[in-house]
Amino acid sequence: MTISNRRSFLKLGLTALAVPMAAQMAFAGGHKVHVVEIKGHKFSPASLKMEAGDKVQFINLDGAPHTATATDGAFDTGRLNKGDDNVVEISSAGTYDYFCDFHPGMKGKIAAS
């Protein structure tokens, strides 16, 4: 393993450790940040229940670029390359179906109450 590969491996390992902590983080107003990982051309978790006002951090762990794009236009992470992330706020109660603009077969759902 080269030094560059070790650094990448360590960075990925530290990211994996940070994800569960981020999922538990609260921000002003007591709302939470939920984490959705993109890996294996799937959103994980594919279905998420949360409170209106919470945020969702989408993290791309795949080599391919992805998006998380709401079918109703409520949010769009934009292009996420490997290692990129984007946080969206779900401000209103409702059900939000989303997909990857590059891979439309990738789908997820957020239910905010």
N, C-alpha and C. Protein backbone atom coordinates (compact mmCIF):
# COMPACT_ATOMS: atom_id res chain seq x y z
N MET A 1 0.86 -1.17 0.00
CA MET A 1 0.00 0.00 0.00
C MET A 1 0.90 1.23 0.00
N THR A 2 0.69 2.12 -0.94
CA THR A 2 1.50 3.33 -1.02
C THR A 2 1.06 4.33 0.05
N ILE A 3 1.88 5.35 0.26
CA ILE A 3 1.54 6.38 1.24
C ILE A 3 0.25 7.08 0.84
N SER A 4 0.10 7.36 -0.46
CA SER A 4 -1.12 8.00 -0.94
C SER A 4 -2.35 7.14 -0.68
N ASN A 5 -2.22 5.83 -0.95
CA ASN A 5 -3.34 4.92 -0.69
C ASN A 5 -3.65 4.83 0.79
N ARG A 6 -2.62 4.83 1.64
CA ARG A 6 -2.84 4.79 3.09
C ARG A 6 -3.58 6.04 3.56
N ARG A 7 -3.20 7.18 3.02
CA ARG A 7 -3.88 8.43 3.40
C ARG A 7 -5.34 8.39 2.98
N SER A 8 -5.60 7.91 1.77
CA SER A 8 -6.98 7.80 1.30
C SER A 8 -7.76 6.84 2.18
N PHE A 9 -7.14 5.71 2.53
CA PHE A 9 -7.78 4.71 3.38
C PHE A 9 -8.09 5.30 4.75
N LEU A 10 -7.13 6.02 5.32
CA LEU A 10 -7.34 6.64 6.64
C LEU A 10 -8.42 7.71 6.57
N LYS A 11 -8.43 8.50 5.50
CA LYS A 11 -9.45 9.54 5.34
C LYS A 11 -10.83 8.90 5.26
N LEU A 12 -10.95 7.83 4.49
CA LEU A 12 -12.23 7.13 4.37
C LEU A 12 -12.63 6.53 5.71
N GLY A 13 -11.67 5.98 6.45
CA GLY A 13 -11.95 5.43 7.77
C GLY A 13 -12.43 6.49 8.74
N LEU A 14 -11.81 7.66 8.72
CA LEU A 14 -12.23 8.74 9.60
C LEU A 14 -13.61 9.25 9.20
N THR A 15 -13.89 9.28 7.91
CA THR A 15 -15.22 9.67 7.45
C THR A 15 -16.26 8.69 7.95
N ALA A 16 -15.95 7.41 7.89
CA ALA A 16 -16.89 6.39 8.35
C ALA A 16 -17.17 6.54 9.84
N LEU A 17 -16.16 6.93 10.61
CA LEU A 17 -16.36 7.15 12.04
C LEU A 17 -17.19 8.41 12.29
N ALA A 18 -17.02 9.42 11.46
CA ALA A 18 -17.72 10.68 11.67
C ALA A 18 -19.19 10.59 11.30
N VAL A 19 -19.54 9.71 10.38
CA VAL A 19 -20.92 9.62 9.91
C VAL A 19 -21.89 9.31 11.04
N PRO A 20 -21.65 8.27 11.87
CA PRO A 20 -22.62 8.02 12.95
C PRO A 20 -22.71 9.20 13.93
N MET A 21 -21.60 9.88 14.16
CA MET A 21 -21.64 11.03 15.06
C MET A 21 -22.47 12.15 14.44
N ALA A 22 -22.31 12.38 13.15
CA ALA A 22 -23.06 13.43 12.47
C ALA A 22 -24.54 13.13 12.50
N ALA A 23 -24.90 11.85 12.43
CA ALA A 23 -26.31 11.46 12.43
C ALA A 23 -26.97 11.84 13.74
N GLN A 24 -26.19 11.98 14.79
CA GLN A 24 -26.73 12.30 16.10
C GLN A 24 -26.64 13.78 16.43
N MET A 25 -26.02 14.56 15.58
CA MET A 25 -25.80 15.97 15.87
C MET A 25 -27.09 16.77 15.78
N ALA A 26 -27.26 17.66 16.71
CA ALA A 26 -28.39 18.58 16.67
C ALA A 26 -27.85 19.98 16.38
N PHE A 27 -28.66 20.81 15.77
CA PHE A 27 -28.26 22.19 15.55
C PHE A 27 -29.28 23.10 16.19
N ALA A 28 -29.08 24.39 16.09
CA ALA A 28 -29.94 25.37 16.75
C ALA A 28 -31.41 25.04 16.55
N GLY A 29 -32.19 25.13 17.61
CA GLY A 29 -33.62 24.82 17.54
C GLY A 29 -33.91 23.37 17.89
N GLY A 30 -32.86 22.58 18.17
CA GLY A 30 -33.05 21.19 18.56
C GLY A 30 -33.27 20.23 17.41
N HIS A 31 -33.17 20.71 16.18
CA HIS A 31 -33.35 19.82 15.04
C HIS A 31 -32.10 18.98 14.83
N LYS A 32 -32.23 17.90 14.10
CA LYS A 32 -31.13 16.95 13.89
C LYS A 32 -30.63 17.00 12.46
N VAL A 33 -29.41 16.49 12.29
CA VAL A 33 -28.83 16.26 10.97
C VAL A 33 -28.81 14.75 10.77
N HIS A 34 -29.51 14.28 9.75
CA HIS A 34 -29.55 12.86 9.41
C HIS A 34 -28.59 12.62 8.25
N VAL A 35 -27.95 11.47 8.23
CA VAL A 35 -26.97 11.16 7.20
C VAL A 35 -27.52 10.09 6.26
N VAL A 36 -27.42 10.35 4.97
CA VAL A 36 -27.73 9.36 3.94
C VAL A 36 -26.45 9.15 3.14
N GLU A 37 -25.94 7.93 3.19
CA GLU A 37 -24.76 7.58 2.41
C GLU A 37 -25.18 7.09 1.04
N ILE A 38 -24.39 7.44 0.05
CA ILE A 38 -24.60 6.94 -1.30
C ILE A 38 -23.46 5.97 -1.58
N LYS A 39 -23.81 4.69 -1.66
CA LYS A 39 -22.79 3.67 -1.91
C LYS A 39 -23.43 2.48 -2.60
N GLY A 40 -22.67 1.85 -3.49
CA GLY A 40 -23.21 0.73 -4.25
C GLY A 40 -24.38 1.13 -5.12
N HIS A 41 -24.38 2.37 -5.59
CA HIS A 41 -25.47 2.93 -6.40
C HIS A 41 -26.82 2.82 -5.68
N LYS A 42 -26.78 3.05 -4.35
CA LYS A 42 -28.00 3.05 -3.54
C LYS A 42 -27.90 4.15 -2.48
N PHE A 43 -29.05 4.65 -2.06
CA PHE A 43 -29.12 5.57 -0.93
C PHE A 43 -29.30 4.72 0.32
N SER A 44 -28.53 5.02 1.35
CA SER A 44 -28.61 4.23 2.59
C SER A 44 -28.66 5.17 3.79
N PRO A 45 -29.80 5.22 4.50
CA PRO A 45 -31.00 4.43 4.26
C PRO A 45 -31.79 4.99 3.08
N ALA A 46 -32.56 4.11 2.44
CA ALA A 46 -33.37 4.52 1.29
C ALA A 46 -34.65 5.21 1.74
N SER A 47 -35.06 4.94 2.97
CA SER A 47 -36.26 5.55 3.54
C SER A 47 -35.89 6.16 4.88
N LEU A 48 -36.29 7.41 5.08
CA LEU A 48 -35.89 8.15 6.28
C LEU A 48 -37.10 8.87 6.86
N LYS A 49 -37.31 8.70 8.17
CA LYS A 49 -38.37 9.44 8.88
C LYS A 49 -37.69 10.48 9.75
N MET A 50 -38.25 11.70 9.74
CA MET A 50 -37.64 12.80 10.47
C MET A 50 -38.68 13.85 10.79
N GLU A 51 -38.26 14.87 11.50
CA GLU A 51 -39.12 16.00 11.83
C GLU A 51 -38.89 17.12 10.81
N ALA A 52 -39.94 17.85 10.49
CA ALA A 52 -39.79 19.04 9.64
C ALA A 52 -38.82 19.99 10.33
N GLY A 53 -37.91 20.56 9.58
CA GLY A 53 -36.88 21.43 10.12
C GLY A 53 -35.54 20.73 10.29
N ASP A 54 -35.55 19.39 10.24
CA ASP A 54 -34.29 18.65 10.31
C ASP A 54 -33.55 18.80 8.99
N LYS A 55 -32.28 18.45 9.00
CA LYS A 55 -31.46 18.50 7.80
C LYS A 55 -31.00 17.10 7.44
N VAL A 56 -30.67 16.92 6.16
CA VAL A 56 -30.15 15.65 5.67
C VAL A 56 -28.82 15.92 4.98
N GLN A 57 -27.80 15.19 5.42
CA GLN A 57 -26.48 15.28 4.80
C GLN A 57 -26.31 14.07 3.88
N PHE A 58 -26.20 14.33 2.59
CA PHE A 58 -25.97 13.28 1.60
C PHE A 58 -24.47 13.19 1.36
N ILE A 59 -23.89 12.00 1.51
CA ILE A 59 -22.45 11.79 1.33
C ILE A 59 -22.25 10.73 0.25
N ASN A 60 -21.50 11.08 -0.80
CA ASN A 60 -21.23 10.13 -1.88
C ASN A 60 -19.96 9.35 -1.58
N LEU A 61 -20.11 8.03 -1.37
CA LEU A 61 -18.97 7.15 -1.13
C LEU A 61 -18.64 6.31 -2.37
N ASP A 62 -19.40 6.50 -3.46
CA ASP A 62 -19.16 5.78 -4.71
C ASP A 62 -18.13 6.50 -5.56
N GLY A 63 -17.55 5.77 -6.50
CA GLY A 63 -16.62 6.36 -7.46
C GLY A 63 -17.34 7.18 -8.52
N ALA A 64 -18.60 6.87 -8.76
CA ALA A 64 -19.39 7.58 -9.77
C ALA A 64 -20.05 8.82 -9.17
N PRO A 65 -20.29 9.84 -9.97
CA PRO A 65 -21.00 11.02 -9.46
C PRO A 65 -22.48 10.69 -9.25
N HIS A 66 -23.10 11.36 -8.29
CA HIS A 66 -24.52 11.18 -7.99
C HIS A 66 -25.13 12.50 -7.58
N THR A 67 -26.46 12.54 -7.56
CA THR A 67 -27.22 13.65 -6.99
C THR A 67 -28.30 13.05 -6.09
N ALA A 68 -28.88 13.87 -5.26
CA ALA A 68 -30.12 13.54 -4.57
C ALA A 68 -31.07 14.67 -4.96
N THR A 69 -32.00 14.35 -5.84
CA THR A 69 -32.86 15.35 -6.46
C THR A 69 -34.32 15.01 -6.16
N ALA A 70 -35.01 15.89 -5.45
CA ALA A 70 -36.42 15.66 -5.12
C ALA A 70 -37.26 15.72 -6.39
N THR A 71 -38.21 14.78 -6.52
CA THR A 71 -39.04 14.74 -7.72
C THR A 71 -39.92 15.98 -7.84
N ASP A 72 -40.24 16.62 -6.70
CA ASP A 72 -41.07 17.83 -6.74
C ASP A 72 -40.25 19.11 -6.76
N GLY A 73 -38.93 18.99 -6.86
CA GLY A 73 -38.06 20.16 -6.91
C GLY A 73 -37.76 20.80 -5.57
N ALA A 74 -38.15 20.15 -4.46
CA ALA A 74 -37.94 20.72 -3.12
C ALA A 74 -36.47 20.85 -2.76
N PHE A 75 -35.63 19.97 -3.28
CA PHE A 75 -34.19 20.06 -3.02
C PHE A 75 -33.42 19.35 -4.12
N ASP A 76 -32.15 19.72 -4.25
CA ASP A 76 -31.23 19.09 -5.19
C ASP A 76 -29.83 19.32 -4.66
N THR A 77 -29.11 18.25 -4.42
CA THR A 77 -27.75 18.39 -3.89
C THR A 77 -26.77 18.89 -4.93
N GLY A 78 -27.14 18.81 -6.21
CA GLY A 78 -26.18 19.07 -7.25
C GLY A 78 -25.25 17.85 -7.37
N ARG A 79 -24.29 17.94 -8.26
CA ARG A 79 -23.37 16.83 -8.51
C ARG A 79 -22.49 16.59 -7.29
N LEU A 80 -22.49 15.35 -6.83
CA LEU A 80 -21.62 14.94 -5.73
C LEU A 80 -20.63 13.91 -6.27
N ASN A 81 -19.36 14.29 -6.32
CA ASN A 81 -18.33 13.34 -6.70
C ASN A 81 -17.93 12.53 -5.47
N LYS A 82 -17.10 11.53 -5.65
CA LYS A 82 -16.67 10.68 -4.53
C LYS A 82 -16.10 11.55 -3.41
N GLY A 83 -16.62 11.33 -2.19
CA GLY A 83 -16.16 12.08 -1.03
C GLY A 83 -16.89 13.39 -0.79
N ASP A 84 -17.67 13.84 -1.77
CA ASP A 84 -18.43 15.09 -1.61
C ASP A 84 -19.68 14.86 -0.77
N ASP A 85 -20.13 15.93 -0.15
CA ASP A 85 -21.39 15.88 0.58
C ASP A 85 -22.13 17.20 0.40
N ASN A 86 -23.42 17.17 0.68
CA ASN A 86 -24.24 18.37 0.64
C ASN A 86 -25.36 18.19 1.66
N VAL A 87 -25.70 19.27 2.33
CA VAL A 87 -26.74 19.23 3.35
C VAL A 87 -27.96 20.00 2.85
N VAL A 88 -29.13 19.38 2.99
CA VAL A 88 -30.38 20.03 2.62
C VAL A 88 -31.28 20.08 3.85
N GLU A 89 -32.07 21.12 3.94
CA GLU A 89 -33.03 21.24 5.04
C GLU A 89 -34.42 20.89 4.53
N ILE A 90 -35.11 20.06 5.31
CA ILE A 90 -36.49 19.71 4.99
C ILE A 90 -37.36 20.56 5.92
N SER A 91 -37.82 21.69 5.41
CA SER A 91 -38.48 22.67 6.27
C SER A 91 -39.96 22.42 6.50
N SER A 92 -40.62 21.65 5.63
CA SER A 92 -42.06 21.42 5.75
C SER A 92 -42.36 19.94 5.88
N ALA A 93 -43.43 19.64 6.62
CA ALA A 93 -43.89 18.26 6.73
C ALA A 93 -44.35 17.76 5.37
N GLY A 94 -44.15 16.49 5.12
CA GLY A 94 -44.58 15.89 3.86
C GLY A 94 -43.71 14.72 3.50
N THR A 95 -44.01 14.13 2.37
CA THR A 95 -43.22 13.01 1.85
C THR A 95 -42.47 13.50 0.63
N TYR A 96 -41.18 13.25 0.62
CA TYR A 96 -40.30 13.72 -0.45
C TYR A 96 -39.63 12.52 -1.10
N ASP A 97 -40.04 12.20 -2.32
CA ASP A 97 -39.37 11.17 -3.11
C ASP A 97 -38.20 11.84 -3.81
N TYR A 98 -37.10 11.12 -3.91
CA TYR A 98 -35.94 11.68 -4.60
C TYR A 98 -35.22 10.58 -5.38
N PHE A 99 -34.33 10.99 -6.27
CA PHE A 99 -33.61 10.08 -7.15
C PHE A 99 -32.26 10.69 -7.49
N CYS A 100 -31.42 9.90 -8.15
CA CYS A 100 -30.15 10.39 -8.67
C CYS A 100 -30.37 10.81 -10.12
N ASP A 101 -30.00 12.04 -10.43
CA ASP A 101 -30.18 12.56 -11.79
C ASP A 101 -29.35 11.78 -12.81
N PHE A 102 -28.19 11.25 -12.39
CA PHE A 102 -27.32 10.48 -13.28
C PHE A 102 -27.80 9.02 -13.42
N HIS A 103 -28.43 8.51 -12.37
CA HIS A 103 -28.86 7.10 -12.32
C HIS A 103 -30.30 7.06 -11.81
N PRO A 104 -31.30 7.34 -12.65
CA PRO A 104 -32.69 7.48 -12.22
C PRO A 104 -33.28 6.26 -11.50
N GLY A 105 -32.63 5.10 -11.63
CA GLY A 105 -33.10 3.93 -10.90
C GLY A 105 -32.79 3.98 -9.42
N MET A 106 -31.90 4.88 -9.02
CA MET A 106 -31.57 5.07 -7.61
C MET A 106 -32.66 5.97 -7.01
N LYS A 107 -33.36 5.46 -6.00
CA LYS A 107 -34.47 6.22 -5.43
C LYS A 107 -34.45 6.16 -3.92
N GLY A 108 -35.00 7.21 -3.30
CA GLY A 108 -35.12 7.28 -1.86
C GLY A 108 -36.36 8.05 -1.49
N LYS A 109 -36.69 8.03 -0.18
CA LYS A 109 -37.89 8.71 0.29
C LYS A 109 -37.61 9.27 1.68
N ILE A 110 -38.07 10.50 1.89
CA ILE A 110 -38.00 11.15 3.19
C ILE A 110 -39.43 11.47 3.62
N ALA A 111 -39.78 11.06 4.85
CA ALA A 111 -41.08 11.38 5.42
C ALA A 111 -40.84 12.31 6.59
N ALA A 112 -41.29 13.55 6.47
CA ALA A 112 -41.11 14.55 7.51
C ALA A 112 -42.45 14.86 8.15
N SER A 113 -42.47 14.82 9.49
CA SER A 113 -43.73 15.12 10.18
C SER A 113 -43.60 16.40 11.01
